[in-house]
Amino acid sequence: MDEKTELENDFLKVLFGLLMIPTFALWVGFVFVELWKWFIVPTFGIAPLRLVPAMGLACFVQWATIETHSRRHEKPSEGYWEMLAIGAISPAIALLAGWVIHLFM
């Protein structure tokens, strides 16, 4: 692969990553709203949470519980795809688990 093509690929990855930030924020916010509605509202009688505050709370929780990893990937793209998979799949797993658990409430 020549240098120009590699630079173009890197640029597209950065652009795609920037576009995924609001997408993941909306997705995580939606999951947070649903989990809040299923567990916090009936348990504590607290008002339902709307999407934008949920996005802010999710951002805060993620920041407050952040773990740094010093893993190095052989190829930089491996870390990129791992980040995308975690951003998309982790909330889906939490939503699925929460949905199953809330069926027993």
Protein backbone atom coordinates (compact mmCIF):
# COMPACT_ATOMS: atom_id res chain seq x y z
CA MET A 1 0.00 0.00 0.00
CA ASP A 2 1.45 3.34 -0.94
CA GLU A 3 1.79 6.26 1.45
CA LYS A 4 -1.05 8.28 -0.11
CA THR A 5 -3.52 5.41 0.17
CA GLU A 6 -2.48 4.77 3.76
CA LEU A 7 -2.96 8.45 4.60
CA GLU A 8 -6.40 8.42 2.97
CA ASN A 9 -7.35 5.32 4.96
CA ASP A 10 -6.19 6.97 8.19
CA PHE A 11 -8.18 10.10 7.35
CA LEU A 12 -11.32 8.04 6.67
CA LYS A 13 -10.88 6.18 9.96
CA VAL A 14 -10.59 9.46 11.86
CA LEU A 15 -13.61 10.89 10.03
CA PHE A 16 -15.64 7.73 10.67
CA GLY A 17 -14.57 7.76 14.33
CA LEU A 18 -15.70 11.37 14.70
CA LEU A 19 -19.05 10.51 13.14
CA MET A 20 -19.44 7.57 15.50
CA ILE A 21 -19.06 9.72 18.63
CA PRO A 22 -22.60 11.18 18.47
CA THR A 23 -23.97 7.85 17.26
CA PHE A 24 -22.49 6.01 20.23
CA ALA A 25 -23.58 8.81 22.58
CA LEU A 26 -27.18 8.44 21.39
CA TRP A 27 -27.00 4.64 21.60
CA VAL A 28 -25.54 4.65 25.13
CA GLY A 29 -28.02 7.35 26.19
CA PHE A 30 -30.92 5.25 24.92
CA VAL A 31 -29.65 2.20 26.81
CA PHE A 32 -29.22 4.32 29.95
CA VAL A 33 -32.82 5.63 29.64
CA GLU A 34 -34.22 2.12 29.26
CA LEU A 35 -32.24 0.67 32.16
CA TRP A 36 -33.23 3.67 34.32
CA LYS A 37 -36.88 3.17 33.39
CA TRP A 38 -36.75 -0.56 34.17
CA PHE A 39 -34.87 -0.41 37.46
CA ILE A 40 -34.45 3.02 39.05
CA VAL A 41 -37.98 4.38 38.50
CA PRO A 42 -39.88 1.43 40.05
CA THR A 43 -37.32 0.76 42.78
CA PHE A 44 -36.73 4.29 44.05
CA GLY A 45 -39.73 6.17 42.64
CA ILE A 46 -37.45 8.63 40.86
CA ALA A 47 -38.70 10.39 37.73
CA PRO A 48 -37.91 8.86 34.34
CA LEU A 49 -34.77 10.11 32.66
CA ARG A 50 -34.78 11.84 29.28
CA LEU A 51 -32.24 11.16 26.54
CA VAL A 52 -29.94 14.20 26.84
CA PRO A 53 -29.50 13.97 30.64
CA ALA A 54 -28.96 10.22 30.22
CA MET A 55 -26.22 10.89 27.69
CA GLY A 56 -24.57 13.27 30.17
CA LEU A 57 -24.83 10.79 33.03
CA ALA A 58 -23.47 7.99 30.87
CA CYS A 59 -20.56 10.22 29.86
CA PHE A 60 -19.90 11.06 33.51
CA VAL A 61 -20.06 7.42 34.62
CA GLN A 62 -17.76 6.37 31.81
CA TRP A 63 -15.29 9.12 32.70
CA ALA A 64 -15.46 8.36 36.44
CA THR A 65 -14.83 4.65 35.92
CA ILE A 66 -12.35 4.84 33.05
CA GLU A 67 -9.58 2.28 32.92
CA THR A 68 -6.48 2.83 30.90
CA HIS A 69 -5.01 -0.02 28.96
CA SER A 70 -1.47 -0.06 27.78
CA ARG A 71 -2.04 -2.87 25.34
CA ARG A 72 -0.33 -2.41 22.05
CA HIS A 73 -1.73 -3.86 18.88
CA GLU A 74 0.43 -5.18 16.10
CA LYS A 75 -1.59 -3.12 13.66
CA PRO A 76 -3.09 0.25 14.65
CA SER A 77 -6.33 -0.75 12.95
CA GLU A 78 -6.83 -3.56 15.48
CA GLY A 79 -7.32 -1.02 18.28
CA TYR A 80 -9.63 1.00 16.05
CA TRP A 81 -11.93 -1.95 15.32
CA GLU A 82 -11.84 -3.03 18.96
CA MET A 83 -12.97 0.46 20.01
CA LEU A 84 -15.85 0.36 17.51
CA ALA A 85 -16.92 -3.11 18.64
CA ILE A 86 -16.88 -2.13 22.31
CA GLY A 87 -18.81 1.07 21.62
CA ALA A 88 -21.54 -0.76 19.75
CA ILE A 89 -21.71 -4.16 21.44
CA SER A 90 -21.18 -3.34 25.12
CA PRO A 91 -24.37 -1.22 25.42
CA ALA A 92 -26.31 -3.87 23.48
CA ILE A 93 -25.24 -6.55 25.95
CA ALA A 94 -26.19 -4.32 28.89
CA LEU A 95 -29.59 -3.62 27.30
CA LEU A 96 -30.24 -7.32 26.65
CA ALA A 97 -29.21 -8.33 30.17
CA GLY A 98 -31.30 -5.51 31.68
CA TRP A 99 -34.31 -6.49 29.60
CA VAL A 100 -34.11 -10.10 30.77
CA ILE A 101 -33.66 -9.06 34.41
CA HIS A 102 -36.54 -6.59 34.31
CA LEU A 103 -38.87 -9.38 33.18
CA PHE A 104 -38.50 -10.88 36.67
CA MET A 105 -39.43 -7.67 38.51
